[in-house]
Amino acid sequence: MVWERPERDHRRLGRWRFELRGDELADLRFDDGRVLRSIRAVVRDRDWDTAGLVVEGIESGPDAITLRVRSDGLGSSFRGTVRATAAGEQLTVAMDLVSADPFLTNRTGLVVLHPPGVAGAPLAVRHWDGTVRTTVFPEQISPHQPATGIAALEWRDGSYRIAVRFEGDTFEMEDQRNWSDASFKTYSRPLALPFPYQLAAGERVTQSVTVTATALPRTGRVRPTADEIRLTPEGPFPEVSTSAATAPDPGPAPAPGGALIVELDLAWPGWSAALRRAASSGRPLDVRLVLPDSGPAAALSAAVAALRPHRIARMTAFWASGPARHVCDAEATDMLRSALAAAGLRAPVTGGVRSHFTELNREQHRLATDLDGVVFALTPLFHCLGTEQAVESVAVQRLIARQAVRIAAGAPVFVGPITLRPHFNDVATTPPRRPSFADLREGYGPHLSAGTDPRQTALELAAWTVASAAALSVPGVAGLSYFEDWGPRGLRDGTGDDHPAARAVAALAALGGSTALTGDSPDGLVWALGGVDAVGATTVHVANLDHRARVVDVVVSDRRATITLDAYAWGTVATPTTRP
């Protein structure tokens, strides 16, 4: 799979323009202004996995386009249409799908994505009883739904007043920035209703969304013209490392590096084999224990005893189920500390979540107040698998990092595993798949339950990694862990040969111990991150996530350097000199 689609399908209906990506109407614009991030139809199964909607045919005219679609995968069997019709300031998108077979779903319907730039804008929410509530799109990442019971929405974005009317179901909104998505999402079937729910054979699902955009006087905002990034010293450079491989034996010799994340599912008898393989690297271990539902205290004691011979960087214990599912809460923290004390071991104890920032944001009240650190995982491809999603997520990662530091309240923050796709399905309603054997012949964990992304070996992933590290490296973030050591989700293949991202991670890790140089991106597409070592030498890595070449000025104090980067490329500037 190439990093970027070679051709883009741009469409125009009357005064409306958009890019057609499968069944998705993306980057929706009215005249010259961007109105919505996208509108699309989705089919999600009982574990929130998304079936593809295959476009089998397109009928288009000057004011309407009809997509004939069918669902693909996950046992789904939908056929129908997605139709967009333009009439002056209005655009209506209607979905009409019929399921040939019974299907358990958590959501089947239209979703609307609002761009993140609307954060802070006043928002009017019209409910089905005719009442209107005035609120705002949240500026801080909202842990819970900003709006519920939605029949229509209205807000202003730049030079447009935008109204959206929903038909066919009750809608609500969530802040998708929790998952590093660059959007707010309005979707149907409120989460307060039971799920999964059954769609019968022959059942029809129809919904529509009508968008109205009204031009207003321009605000006079001026866009920055220079691709300039100013970097300032911001404390110690974070440790950059990786996670232990979860692919089957045999594999290459472990690579050297910093603390290696190893997640041990204590409900699987083979967890000790995973521990031995990770420990064979000689690297300090960032141990993440997943407690079994039965006998968690005894299992935790056995795991701590097995850790006695090894170097431990830090430890965390997560609940697998219950109200604190996937969270290391105060109770789990106390259990872990008691097990360490009983074994006569000392190790930093971290808390947080096994899954996304979402759960850290929502469950922060469960954390102990005296932690040695706070952890959470990050993936850009939870809701959508498009490369655009991965690119747009980087700017949101900066917001996530800052908010996580505030939640940690002085404790260091460790972000990882950072993976293209989730390292496990935290919202599944079915049990995770575990190996059949108590060894590593089948692999374990993510190798069995998480998707392998073809972009893992892409040259462009190296630039994405540098940009992501630049976005996440805010004061208070002490560690970043990218991908696995080797295997299908790794920095290396099964023979030990490096993928392109390995070089980027090595370059970032080499700045460990230096003073970090960080700064904001001018547009979310070009990023820079550097370090100043003990003798004052400066190294800066610059990444370009744009689909065109960019010329970037990097300014450190009174020193300036210019670097030209191809699309999706990265480079290094060493000791910038004063421009004459």
Protein backbone atom coordinates (compact mmCIF):
# COMPACT_ATOMS: atom_id res chain seq x y z
CA MET A 1 0.00 0.00 0.00
CA VAL A 2 1.36 3.42 -0.89
CA TRP A 3 1.35 6.08 1.81
CA GLU A 4 -0.82 8.47 -0.15
CA ARG A 5 -3.43 7.69 -2.79
CA PRO A 6 -1.94 8.51 -6.20
CA GLU A 7 -5.15 10.15 -7.43
CA ARG A 8 -7.75 12.23 -5.63
CA ASP A 9 -11.38 12.19 -6.70
CA HIS A 10 -12.55 15.80 -6.37
CA ARG A 11 -16.25 16.42 -6.99
CA ARG A 12 -18.50 19.47 -7.33
CA LEU A 13 -22.26 19.63 -6.82
CA GLY A 14 -23.52 23.14 -7.48
CA ARG A 15 -21.66 25.43 -5.06
CA TRP A 16 -20.46 22.48 -2.97
CA ARG A 17 -17.11 20.72 -3.36
CA PHE A 18 -15.67 17.64 -1.67
CA GLU A 19 -13.22 14.79 -2.13
CA LEU A 20 -14.80 11.38 -2.61
CA ARG A 21 -12.96 8.73 -0.58
CA GLY A 22 -14.94 5.54 -1.02
CA ASP A 23 -18.37 6.37 0.40
CA GLU A 24 -17.01 9.37 2.35
CA LEU A 25 -17.62 12.99 1.31
CA ALA A 26 -14.43 14.45 2.76
CA ASP A 27 -13.22 18.04 3.17
CA LEU A 28 -16.70 19.38 2.46
CA ARG A 29 -16.62 22.99 1.18
CA PHE A 30 -19.19 25.58 0.23
CA ASP A 31 -17.82 28.13 -2.25
CA ASP A 32 -14.35 28.81 -0.80
CA GLY A 33 -14.96 27.80 2.81
CA ARG A 34 -14.49 24.47 4.57
CA VAL A 35 -17.75 23.49 6.27
CA LEU A 36 -17.26 19.93 7.53
CA ARG A 37 -14.43 17.44 7.83
CA SER A 38 -16.68 14.77 6.29
CA ILE A 39 -19.98 12.92 6.06
CA ARG A 40 -19.97 9.16 5.63
CA ALA A 41 -22.01 6.02 6.24
CA VAL A 42 -20.57 3.41 8.61
CA VAL A 43 -21.38 -0.20 9.53
CA ARG A 44 -19.87 -1.34 12.84
CA ASP A 45 -20.17 -4.77 14.39
CA ARG A 46 -20.62 -5.74 18.03
CA ASP A 47 -16.91 -5.09 18.77
CA TRP A 48 -16.94 -1.65 17.07
CA ASP A 49 -14.93 -3.00 14.15
CA THR A 50 -15.89 -1.30 10.88
CA ALA A 51 -17.04 -3.19 7.80
CA GLY A 52 -15.97 -1.59 4.54
CA LEU A 53 -18.56 0.00 2.29
CA VAL A 54 -17.56 -0.89 -1.26
CA VAL A 55 -18.72 1.53 -3.96
CA GLU A 56 -19.99 -0.65 -6.81
CA GLY A 57 -21.21 2.16 -9.04
CA ILE A 58 -21.55 5.95 -9.26
CA GLU A 59 -24.23 8.00 -10.99
CA SER A 60 -23.46 11.70 -11.03
CA GLY A 61 -24.87 14.93 -12.43
CA PRO A 62 -24.35 18.66 -11.85
CA ASP A 63 -26.38 18.71 -8.60
CA ALA A 64 -26.47 15.10 -7.36
CA ILE A 65 -24.34 12.00 -6.97
CA THR A 66 -25.53 8.50 -6.07
CA LEU A 67 -23.19 5.81 -4.79
CA ARG A 68 -24.36 2.22 -5.03
CA VAL A 69 -22.68 0.46 -2.10
CA ARG A 70 -22.40 -2.90 -0.38
CA SER A 71 -20.79 -3.77 2.92
CA ASP A 72 -17.76 -6.02 3.06
CA GLY A 73 -16.63 -8.16 5.99
CA LEU A 74 -17.50 -8.87 9.63
CA GLY A 75 -20.50 -10.95 8.61
CA SER A 76 -22.35 -7.92 7.25
CA SER A 77 -24.55 -8.05 4.15
CA PHE A 78 -25.83 -4.53 3.46
CA ARG A 79 -26.65 -3.12 0.05
CA GLY A 80 -28.06 0.24 -0.87
CA THR A 81 -27.21 3.81 -1.75
CA VAL A 82 -25.56 6.93 -0.39
CA ARG A 83 -26.88 9.97 -2.28
CA ALA A 84 -25.82 13.63 -2.08
CA THR A 85 -28.00 16.39 -3.52
CA ALA A 86 -27.12 20.10 -3.70
CA ALA A 87 -29.62 22.96 -3.89
CA GLY A 88 -28.06 26.39 -3.47
CA GLU A 89 -26.83 26.77 0.12
CA GLN A 90 -28.07 23.28 1.06
CA LEU A 91 -26.51 19.87 0.68
CA THR A 92 -28.41 16.72 1.70
CA VAL A 93 -26.72 13.36 2.16
CA ALA A 94 -29.11 10.40 2.43
CA MET A 95 -28.27 6.78 3.26
CA ASP A 96 -30.55 3.86 2.42
CA LEU A 97 -29.20 0.41 3.34
CA VAL A 98 -30.87 -3.00 3.61
CA SER A 99 -29.33 -5.94 5.48
CA ALA A 100 -29.81 -9.27 3.71
CA ASP A 101 -29.02 -11.24 6.88
CA PRO A 102 -29.43 -10.66 10.63
CA PHE A 103 -26.60 -8.51 11.95
CA LEU A 104 -25.52 -7.50 15.46
CA THR A 105 -24.31 -3.93 15.29
CA ASN A 106 -23.23 -1.18 17.63
CA ARG A 107 -23.79 1.50 14.99
CA THR A 108 -25.07 1.54 11.42
CA GLY A 109 -25.75 4.99 10.04
CA LEU A 110 -24.38 8.36 9.00
CA VAL A 111 -21.64 10.18 10.89
CA VAL A 112 -20.68 13.83 10.55
CA LEU A 113 -17.16 15.03 11.37
CA HIS A 114 -16.63 18.66 12.37
CA PRO A 115 -13.13 20.12 11.92
CA PRO A 116 -11.11 20.76 15.11
CA GLY A 117 -10.84 24.47 14.30
CA VAL A 118 -14.40 24.96 15.59
CA ALA A 119 -13.18 24.41 19.17
CA GLY A 120 -14.44 27.29 21.29
CA ALA A 121 -17.16 28.31 18.83
CA PRO A 122 -20.69 28.88 20.23
CA LEU A 123 -23.00 25.97 19.37
CA ALA A 124 -26.82 25.83 19.35
CA VAL A 125 -28.27 22.35 19.86
CA ARG A 126 -31.89 21.80 18.85
CA HIS A 127 -33.63 18.81 20.41
CA TRP A 128 -36.55 16.80 19.06
CA ASP A 129 -38.99 18.51 21.45
CA GLY A 130 -38.12 21.88 19.88
CA THR A 131 -36.04 23.18 22.77
CA VAL A 132 -32.64 24.74 22.05
CA ARG A 133 -29.57 24.56 24.29
CA THR A 134 -26.68 26.98 23.79
CA THR A 135 -23.21 25.61 24.48
CA VAL A 136 -19.77 25.63 22.80
CA PHE A 137 -17.54 23.19 21.00
CA PRO A 138 -15.11 22.41 23.85
CA GLU A 139 -11.58 23.85 23.70
CA GLN A 140 -10.12 21.32 26.14
CA ILE A 141 -10.64 17.73 25.03
CA SER A 142 -14.00 16.80 26.51
CA PRO A 143 -14.10 13.41 28.28
CA HIS A 144 -17.83 13.04 27.65
CA GLN A 145 -20.37 13.95 24.96
CA PRO A 146 -20.54 17.75 24.43
CA ALA A 147 -24.08 17.44 23.03
CA THR A 148 -26.83 14.78 23.21
CA GLY A 149 -30.37 14.34 21.93
CA ILE A 150 -29.54 16.19 18.73
CA ALA A 151 -32.09 16.97 16.02
CA ALA A 152 -30.10 19.92 14.57
CA LEU A 153 -26.96 21.94 15.20
CA GLU A 154 -25.98 25.51 14.33
CA TRP A 155 -22.66 27.33 14.73
CA ARG A 156 -20.38 29.86 13.07
CA ASP A 157 -17.01 28.97 11.60
CA GLY A 158 -15.05 31.87 10.12
CA SER A 159 -17.13 33.46 7.39
CA TYR A 160 -20.02 30.98 7.46
CA ARG A 161 -23.01 30.20 9.61
CA ILE A 162 -23.56 26.45 9.39
CA ALA A 163 -26.71 24.53 10.24
CA VAL A 164 -27.05 20.74 10.15
CA ARG A 165 -30.38 18.89 10.41
CA PHE A 166 -30.52 15.16 11.16
CA GLU A 167 -33.29 12.71 10.21
CA GLY A 168 -33.82 9.01 10.86
CA ASP A 169 -32.53 8.72 14.43
CA THR A 170 -31.47 10.69 17.49
CA PHE A 171 -27.85 11.87 17.22
CA GLU A 172 -25.21 12.91 19.74
CA MET A 173 -21.67 14.28 19.61
CA GLU A 174 -18.34 13.08 20.98
CA ASP A 175 -14.95 14.75 21.04
CA GLN A 176 -12.87 12.48 18.82
CA ARG A 177 -9.70 14.32 19.78
CA ASN A 178 -9.68 11.87 22.71
CA TRP A 179 -8.50 9.24 20.21
CA SER A 180 -6.18 11.74 18.41
CA ASP A 181 -8.72 12.19 15.59
CA ALA A 182 -8.81 15.73 14.21
CA SER A 183 -12.57 16.10 14.61
CA PHE A 184 -15.70 16.26 16.66
CA LYS A 185 -18.11 13.51 15.59
CA THR A 186 -21.90 13.63 15.49
CA TYR A 187 -23.35 10.14 15.16
CA SER A 188 -26.53 8.18 15.71
CA ARG A 189 -27.76 5.66 18.16
CA PRO A 190 -27.03 7.27 21.52
CA LEU A 191 -24.54 5.27 23.60
CA ALA A 192 -26.97 5.33 26.51
CA LEU A 193 -29.10 2.83 24.58
CA PRO A 194 -28.19 -0.88 24.76
CA PHE A 195 -25.64 -2.23 22.30
CA PRO A 196 -25.07 -4.34 20.34
CA TYR A 197 -28.56 -4.31 18.83
CA GLN A 198 -30.03 -6.67 16.27
CA LEU A 199 -30.88 -5.72 12.70
CA ALA A 200 -33.17 -8.33 11.20
CA ALA A 201 -32.82 -9.86 7.75
CA GLY A 202 -34.41 -7.48 5.27
CA GLU A 203 -34.37 -4.57 7.73
CA ARG A 204 -33.86 -1.14 6.16
CA VAL A 205 -31.80 1.68 7.70
CA THR A 206 -32.48 5.17 6.32
CA GLN A 207 -30.98 8.43 7.55
CA SER A 208 -30.23 11.86 6.13
CA VAL A 209 -28.15 14.90 6.99
CA THR A 210 -28.94 18.33 5.53
CA VAL A 211 -26.22 21.00 5.72
CA THR A 212 -26.92 24.68 5.14
CA ALA A 213 -24.04 27.15 4.81
CA THR A 214 -24.71 30.91 4.86
CA ALA A 215 -21.93 33.35 4.00
CA LEU A 216 -21.21 36.07 6.58
CA PRO A 217 -18.91 39.10 6.50
CA ARG A 218 -15.30 37.99 6.61
CA THR A 219 -13.49 38.27 9.94
CA GLY A 220 -10.22 39.48 8.46
CA ARG A 221 -8.11 36.69 9.93
CA VAL A 222 -4.65 36.54 8.37
CA ARG A 223 -3.00 33.19 7.74
CA PRO A 224 0.72 32.94 8.49
CA THR A 225 2.82 33.21 5.36
CA ALA A 226 6.14 31.83 6.59
CA ASP A 227 6.91 28.16 7.22
CA GLU A 228 8.86 29.09 10.35
CA ILE A 229 9.24 27.01 13.50
CA ARG A 230 10.69 28.64 16.60
CA LEU A 231 12.19 26.22 19.09
CA THR A 232 12.85 26.95 22.76
CA PRO A 233 14.55 24.83 25.47
CA GLU A 234 11.86 23.01 27.47
CA GLY A 235 13.49 20.65 29.98
CA PRO A 236 14.91 17.16 29.44
CA PHE A 237 14.43 15.36 26.13
CA PRO A 238 12.02 12.40 26.59
CA GLU A 239 13.31 8.84 26.45
CA VAL A 240 12.37 7.39 23.04
CA SER A 241 12.05 3.64 22.90
CA THR A 242 9.79 0.79 21.70
CA SER A 243 7.69 -2.18 22.82
CA ALA A 244 8.65 -5.83 22.91
CA ALA A 245 7.83 -7.87 19.82
CA THR A 246 4.66 -9.97 20.02
CA ALA A 247 5.27 -11.91 16.78
CA PRO A 248 5.92 -15.68 16.85
CA ASP A 249 9.29 -17.23 17.48
CA PRO A 250 11.86 -17.37 16.04
CA GLY A 251 12.96 -13.76 15.73
CA PRO A 252 16.13 -11.68 15.53
CA ALA A 253 18.30 -10.81 18.48
CA PRO A 254 16.75 -7.99 20.53
CA ALA A 255 17.92 -4.50 19.65
CA PRO A 256 19.58 -2.28 22.26
CA GLY A 257 17.79 0.81 23.50
CA GLY A 258 15.89 2.35 26.34
CA ALA A 259 13.09 0.93 28.45
CA LEU A 260 11.18 -1.78 26.59
CA ILE A 261 7.43 -1.98 27.14
CA VAL A 262 6.28 -5.56 27.72
CA GLU A 263 2.60 -6.21 28.34
CA LEU A 264 1.84 -9.46 30.19
CA ASP A 265 -1.68 -10.88 30.20
CA LEU A 266 -1.64 -12.83 33.46
CA ALA A 267 -4.73 -14.81 32.39
CA TRP A 268 -2.56 -16.50 29.71
CA PRO A 269 -0.23 -19.24 31.07
CA GLY A 270 2.50 -18.25 28.60
CA TRP A 271 3.11 -14.76 29.97
CA SER A 272 6.43 -15.89 31.48
CA ALA A 273 7.69 -16.79 27.98
CA ALA A 274 6.92 -13.28 26.80
CA LEU A 275 8.75 -11.89 29.83
CA ARG A 276 11.85 -14.03 29.19
CA ARG A 277 12.05 -12.94 25.55
CA ALA A 278 11.73 -9.26 26.44
CA ALA A 279 14.28 -9.58 29.27
CA SER A 280 16.79 -11.24 26.93
CA SER A 281 17.34 -7.78 25.42
CA GLY A 282 19.12 -6.69 28.59
CA ARG A 283 17.10 -3.49 28.45
CA PRO A 284 15.19 -2.16 31.47
CA LEU A 285 11.57 -3.26 31.28
CA ASP A 286 8.47 -1.08 31.43
CA VAL A 287 6.16 -3.85 32.66
CA ARG A 288 2.40 -3.60 32.01
CA LEU A 289 0.48 -6.35 33.85
CA VAL A 290 -3.10 -7.20 32.85
CA LEU A 291 -4.78 -8.73 35.89
CA PRO A 292 -6.96 -11.85 35.50
CA ASP A 293 -10.58 -11.78 36.61
CA SER A 294 -9.95 -14.70 38.95
CA GLY A 295 -7.32 -14.48 41.71
CA PRO A 296 -5.70 -11.18 40.67
CA ALA A 297 -3.68 -10.82 43.91
CA ALA A 298 -2.10 -14.28 43.63
CA ALA A 299 -1.34 -13.78 39.93
CA LEU A 300 0.22 -10.41 40.68
CA SER A 301 2.45 -11.93 43.37
CA ALA A 302 3.62 -14.62 40.96
CA ALA A 303 4.44 -12.04 38.31
CA VAL A 304 6.38 -9.84 40.71
CA ALA A 305 8.39 -12.85 41.87
CA ALA A 306 9.26 -13.66 38.23
CA LEU A 307 10.53 -10.11 37.77
CA ARG A 308 13.11 -10.40 40.57
CA PRO A 309 16.13 -11.17 38.29
CA HIS A 310 15.35 -8.43 35.78
CA ARG A 311 15.94 -4.70 35.42
CA ILE A 312 12.65 -2.89 35.95
CA ALA A 313 12.18 0.68 34.75
CA ARG A 314 8.58 0.94 35.98
CA MET A 315 5.48 -1.18 36.54
CA THR A 316 1.73 -0.82 36.02
CA ALA A 317 -1.19 -3.18 36.69
CA PHE A 318 -4.49 -2.87 34.80
CA TRP A 319 -7.89 -4.39 35.44
CA ALA A 320 -9.17 -6.51 32.55
CA SER A 321 -12.84 -6.00 33.41
CA GLY A 322 -15.17 -4.25 35.80
CA PRO A 323 -15.84 -0.55 36.36
CA ALA A 324 -12.12 0.29 36.06
CA ARG A 325 -11.64 -1.84 32.93
CA HIS A 326 -8.21 -1.22 31.32
CA VAL A 327 -7.34 1.26 34.11
CA CYS A 328 -4.66 1.11 36.78
CA ASP A 329 -6.71 2.69 39.55
CA ALA A 330 -5.85 3.31 43.19
CA GLU A 331 -6.83 -0.26 44.17
CA ALA A 332 -4.62 -1.86 41.49
CA THR A 333 -1.79 0.48 42.48
CA ASP A 334 -2.07 -0.56 46.13
CA MET A 335 -2.12 -4.26 45.16
CA LEU A 336 1.01 -3.81 43.04
CA ARG A 337 2.87 -1.95 45.77
CA SER A 338 1.92 -4.61 48.32
CA ALA A 339 3.19 -7.38 46.02
CA LEU A 340 6.47 -5.54 45.47
CA ALA A 341 6.92 -4.98 49.21
CA ALA A 342 6.19 -8.64 49.99
CA ALA A 343 8.83 -9.70 47.45
CA GLY A 344 11.35 -7.19 48.75
CA LEU A 345 11.53 -5.41 45.40
CA ARG A 346 11.64 -1.70 44.66
CA ALA A 347 10.39 -0.29 41.36
CA PRO A 348 8.62 2.89 40.27
CA VAL A 349 4.86 2.29 40.12
CA THR A 350 2.92 4.08 37.41
CA GLY A 351 -0.83 4.37 36.90
CA GLY A 352 -3.03 5.35 34.02
CA VAL A 353 -4.69 3.37 31.26
CA ARG A 354 -3.81 0.49 28.99
CA SER A 355 -5.79 2.09 26.17
CA HIS A 356 -6.28 5.55 24.67
CA PHE A 357 -6.09 9.00 26.20
CA THR A 358 -9.90 8.76 26.09
CA GLU A 359 -9.98 6.51 29.14
CA LEU A 360 -7.34 8.58 30.95
CA ASN A 361 -9.48 11.66 30.37
CA ARG A 362 -12.67 9.93 31.53
CA GLU A 363 -11.28 7.86 34.41
CA GLN A 364 -8.66 10.18 35.87
CA HIS A 365 -10.60 10.31 39.14
CA ARG A 366 -9.73 6.64 39.70
CA LEU A 367 -5.95 7.17 39.72
CA ALA A 368 -3.85 7.13 42.87
CA THR A 369 -2.53 10.54 43.85
CA ASP A 370 1.09 9.51 44.57
CA LEU A 371 2.12 7.82 41.33
CA ASP A 372 5.64 7.64 39.92
CA GLY A 373 4.24 8.29 36.47
CA VAL A 374 1.15 8.18 34.27
CA VAL A 375 0.86 6.01 31.15
CA PHE A 376 -1.50 5.74 28.18
CA ALA A 377 -1.39 4.35 24.64
CA LEU A 378 -1.93 6.23 21.39
CA THR A 379 -3.01 5.29 17.88
CA PRO A 380 -4.08 7.55 15.01
CA LEU A 381 -6.09 4.84 13.21
CA PHE A 382 -8.84 3.85 15.61
CA HIS A 383 -11.91 5.23 13.82
CA CYS A 384 -10.58 5.46 10.28
CA LEU A 385 -7.73 3.83 8.37
CA GLY A 386 -6.97 6.64 5.91
CA THR A 387 -3.51 8.17 5.71
CA GLU A 388 -5.14 11.60 6.01
CA GLN A 389 -6.35 10.52 9.44
CA ALA A 390 -2.81 9.62 10.54
CA VAL A 391 -1.44 12.96 9.30
CA GLU A 392 -4.19 15.08 10.85
CA SER A 393 -3.82 13.30 14.19
CA VAL A 394 -0.35 14.74 14.81
CA ALA A 395 -1.57 18.24 15.67
CA VAL A 396 -4.13 16.71 18.04
CA GLN A 397 -1.35 14.74 19.74
CA ARG A 398 0.07 18.07 20.94
CA LEU A 399 -3.27 18.86 22.63
CA ILE A 400 -3.40 15.37 24.15
CA ALA A 401 0.14 15.63 25.53
CA ARG A 402 -0.55 18.96 27.22
CA GLN A 403 -3.80 17.75 28.73
CA ALA A 404 -2.22 14.50 29.93
CA VAL A 405 0.50 16.47 31.70
CA ARG A 406 -2.17 18.49 33.50
CA ILE A 407 -3.96 15.29 34.54
CA ALA A 408 -0.66 13.82 35.82
CA ALA A 409 -0.30 16.82 38.15
CA GLY A 410 3.48 16.73 38.34
CA ALA A 411 4.07 13.02 37.73
CA PRO A 412 6.01 12.21 34.55
CA VAL A 413 3.94 11.08 31.56
CA PHE A 414 4.92 8.06 29.44
CA VAL A 415 3.12 7.79 26.08
CA GLY A 416 3.04 4.33 24.58
CA PRO A 417 2.64 1.96 23.00
CA ILE A 418 2.30 4.36 20.05
CA THR A 419 1.12 2.25 17.13
CA LEU A 420 -0.58 2.88 13.81
CA ARG A 421 -3.51 0.68 14.81
CA PRO A 422 -4.65 -0.15 18.36
CA HIS A 423 -2.53 -2.76 20.12
CA PHE A 424 -5.77 -4.29 21.43
CA ASN A 425 -9.51 -3.67 21.06
CA ASP A 426 -10.46 -1.90 24.27
CA VAL A 427 -14.15 -1.62 23.31
CA ALA A 428 -14.70 -5.25 22.24
CA THR A 429 -17.72 -7.01 23.69
CA THR A 430 -16.18 -10.43 23.03
CA PRO A 431 -13.15 -11.92 24.87
CA PRO A 432 -9.65 -11.34 23.43
CA ARG A 433 -7.99 -14.12 21.51
CA ARG A 434 -5.22 -15.82 23.46
CA PRO A 435 -2.55 -18.28 22.24
CA SER A 436 -3.32 -21.99 22.31
CA PHE A 437 0.07 -22.76 23.85
CA ALA A 438 2.14 -21.49 26.77
CA ASP A 439 4.99 -20.49 24.47
CA LEU A 440 5.58 -18.03 21.64
CA ARG A 441 5.07 -20.28 18.61
CA GLU A 442 1.85 -18.35 17.76
CA GLY A 443 2.95 -15.00 19.11
CA TYR A 444 0.70 -13.26 21.59
CA GLY A 445 -1.25 -10.09 22.35
CA PRO A 446 -1.30 -7.63 19.43
CA HIS A 447 -0.06 -10.29 17.01
CA LEU A 448 -3.31 -12.21 17.54
CA SER A 449 -5.79 -9.42 18.12
CA ALA A 450 -4.58 -6.22 16.44
CA GLY A 451 -4.47 -5.27 12.79
CA THR A 452 -1.21 -5.14 10.87
CA ASP A 453 -0.94 -1.96 8.84
CA PRO A 454 0.81 -2.04 5.44
CA ARG A 455 2.21 1.44 6.09
CA GLN A 456 4.41 0.03 8.86
CA THR A 457 7.20 -0.47 6.31
CA ALA A 458 6.60 2.76 4.39
CA LEU A 459 9.38 5.29 3.95
CA GLU A 460 6.94 8.04 4.90
CA LEU A 461 6.31 6.52 8.35
CA ALA A 462 9.73 7.79 9.42
CA ALA A 463 8.65 11.41 8.87
CA TRP A 464 5.36 10.72 10.66
CA THR A 465 7.29 9.36 13.65
CA VAL A 466 9.51 12.45 13.87
CA ALA A 467 6.46 14.72 13.58
CA SER A 468 4.58 12.74 16.24
CA ALA A 469 7.52 12.94 18.64
CA ALA A 470 7.73 16.69 18.04
CA ALA A 471 4.04 17.08 18.83
CA LEU A 472 4.15 14.92 21.97
CA SER A 473 7.37 16.32 23.43
CA VAL A 474 5.96 18.92 25.77
CA PRO A 475 7.34 19.58 29.27
CA GLY A 476 6.21 16.78 31.55
CA VAL A 477 6.32 14.01 28.93
CA ALA A 478 9.19 11.77 30.01
CA GLY A 479 8.93 8.90 27.55
CA LEU A 480 7.66 7.96 24.08
CA SER A 481 7.48 4.35 22.88
CA TYR A 482 6.96 3.73 19.14
CA PHE A 483 5.83 0.44 17.58
CA GLU A 484 7.35 -2.96 18.42
CA ASP A 485 11.00 -4.02 18.29
CA TRP A 486 10.47 -6.39 15.33
CA GLY A 487 7.73 -8.22 13.46
CA PRO A 488 4.68 -7.04 11.47
CA ARG A 489 4.15 -4.09 13.83
CA GLY A 490 7.86 -3.53 14.36
CA LEU A 491 10.74 -1.25 13.56
CA ARG A 492 12.49 -4.30 12.08
CA ASP A 493 11.31 -7.31 10.13
CA GLY A 494 11.52 -10.89 11.35
CA THR A 495 15.14 -11.20 10.15
CA GLY A 496 16.29 -8.04 11.93
CA ASP A 497 16.46 -5.72 8.92
CA ASP A 498 15.40 -2.16 9.69
CA HIS A 499 12.28 -0.53 8.35
CA PRO A 500 12.53 3.22 7.59
CA ALA A 501 10.95 4.25 10.89
CA ALA A 502 13.80 2.53 12.76
CA ARG A 503 16.23 5.23 11.65
CA ALA A 504 13.88 7.95 12.86
CA VAL A 505 13.45 6.31 16.27
CA ALA A 506 17.22 5.84 16.58
CA ALA A 507 17.83 9.51 15.73
CA LEU A 508 15.31 10.63 18.32
CA ALA A 509 16.62 8.23 20.96
CA ALA A 510 20.14 9.59 20.41
CA LEU A 511 18.96 12.94 21.80
CA GLY A 512 18.22 11.34 25.18
CA GLY A 513 19.94 13.22 27.99
CA SER A 514 19.91 16.52 26.08
CA THR A 515 17.77 19.58 26.69
CA ALA A 516 14.70 19.39 24.48
CA LEU A 517 14.01 22.09 21.91
CA THR A 518 10.30 22.23 21.12
CA GLY A 519 7.93 24.53 19.28
CA ASP A 520 4.57 24.74 17.57
CA SER A 521 3.92 23.82 13.97
CA PRO A 522 2.67 26.67 11.75
CA ASP A 523 0.00 24.44 10.18
CA GLY A 524 0.14 20.94 11.67
CA LEU A 525 2.06 19.59 8.66
CA VAL A 526 5.66 20.66 9.32
CA TRP A 527 7.21 19.92 12.72
CA ALA A 528 10.61 20.21 14.37
CA LEU A 529 12.17 18.80 17.53
CA GLY A 530 15.73 19.12 18.76
CA GLY A 531 18.17 18.78 21.58
CA VAL A 532 21.11 20.69 23.04
CA ASP A 533 23.82 18.48 24.50
CA ALA A 534 26.14 19.17 27.43
CA VAL A 535 28.65 21.10 25.30
CA GLY A 536 26.00 23.22 23.60
CA ALA A 537 25.82 21.38 20.27
CA THR A 538 22.35 21.57 18.74
CA THR A 539 20.64 18.92 16.64
CA VAL A 540 17.17 19.50 15.17
CA HIS A 541 15.04 16.98 13.28
CA VAL A 542 12.43 18.43 10.92
CA ALA A 543 9.50 16.52 9.34
CA ASN A 544 7.17 17.38 6.48
CA LEU A 545 3.79 15.60 6.39
CA ASP A 546 2.51 17.64 3.46
CA HIS A 547 1.91 16.03 0.06
CA ARG A 548 4.16 18.68 -1.48
CA ALA A 549 7.71 19.82 -0.81
CA ARG A 550 8.17 22.49 1.86
CA VAL A 551 10.89 24.97 2.75
CA VAL A 552 11.08 25.37 6.54
CA ASP A 553 12.95 27.96 8.59
CA VAL A 554 14.07 26.66 12.00
CA VAL A 555 14.91 29.33 14.57
CA VAL A 556 16.75 28.54 17.81
CA SER A 557 17.44 31.69 19.87
CA ASP A 558 19.05 34.04 17.35
CA ARG A 559 20.19 31.25 15.03
CA ARG A 560 18.27 30.32 11.91
CA ALA A 561 18.59 27.49 9.41
CA THR A 562 16.58 26.64 6.33
CA ILE A 563 15.82 23.11 5.20
CA THR A 564 13.96 21.91 2.10
CA LEU A 565 12.02 18.70 2.53
CA ASP A 566 10.24 16.58 -0.05
CA ALA A 567 6.70 15.42 0.61
CA TYR A 568 6.51 13.08 3.64
CA ALA A 569 10.24 13.40 4.29
CA TRP A 570 12.37 14.35 7.28
CA GLY A 571 15.86 15.71 7.73
CA THR A 572 18.32 17.01 10.30
CA VAL A 573 19.78 20.43 10.93
CA ALA A 574 22.88 20.45 13.13
CA THR A 575 23.94 23.61 14.95
CA PRO A 576 21.98 26.25 12.99
CA THR A 577 24.02 29.33 12.21
CA THR A 578 22.98 32.97 12.10
CA ARG A 579 21.56 33.99 8.75
CA PRO A 580 23.70 36.80 7.20
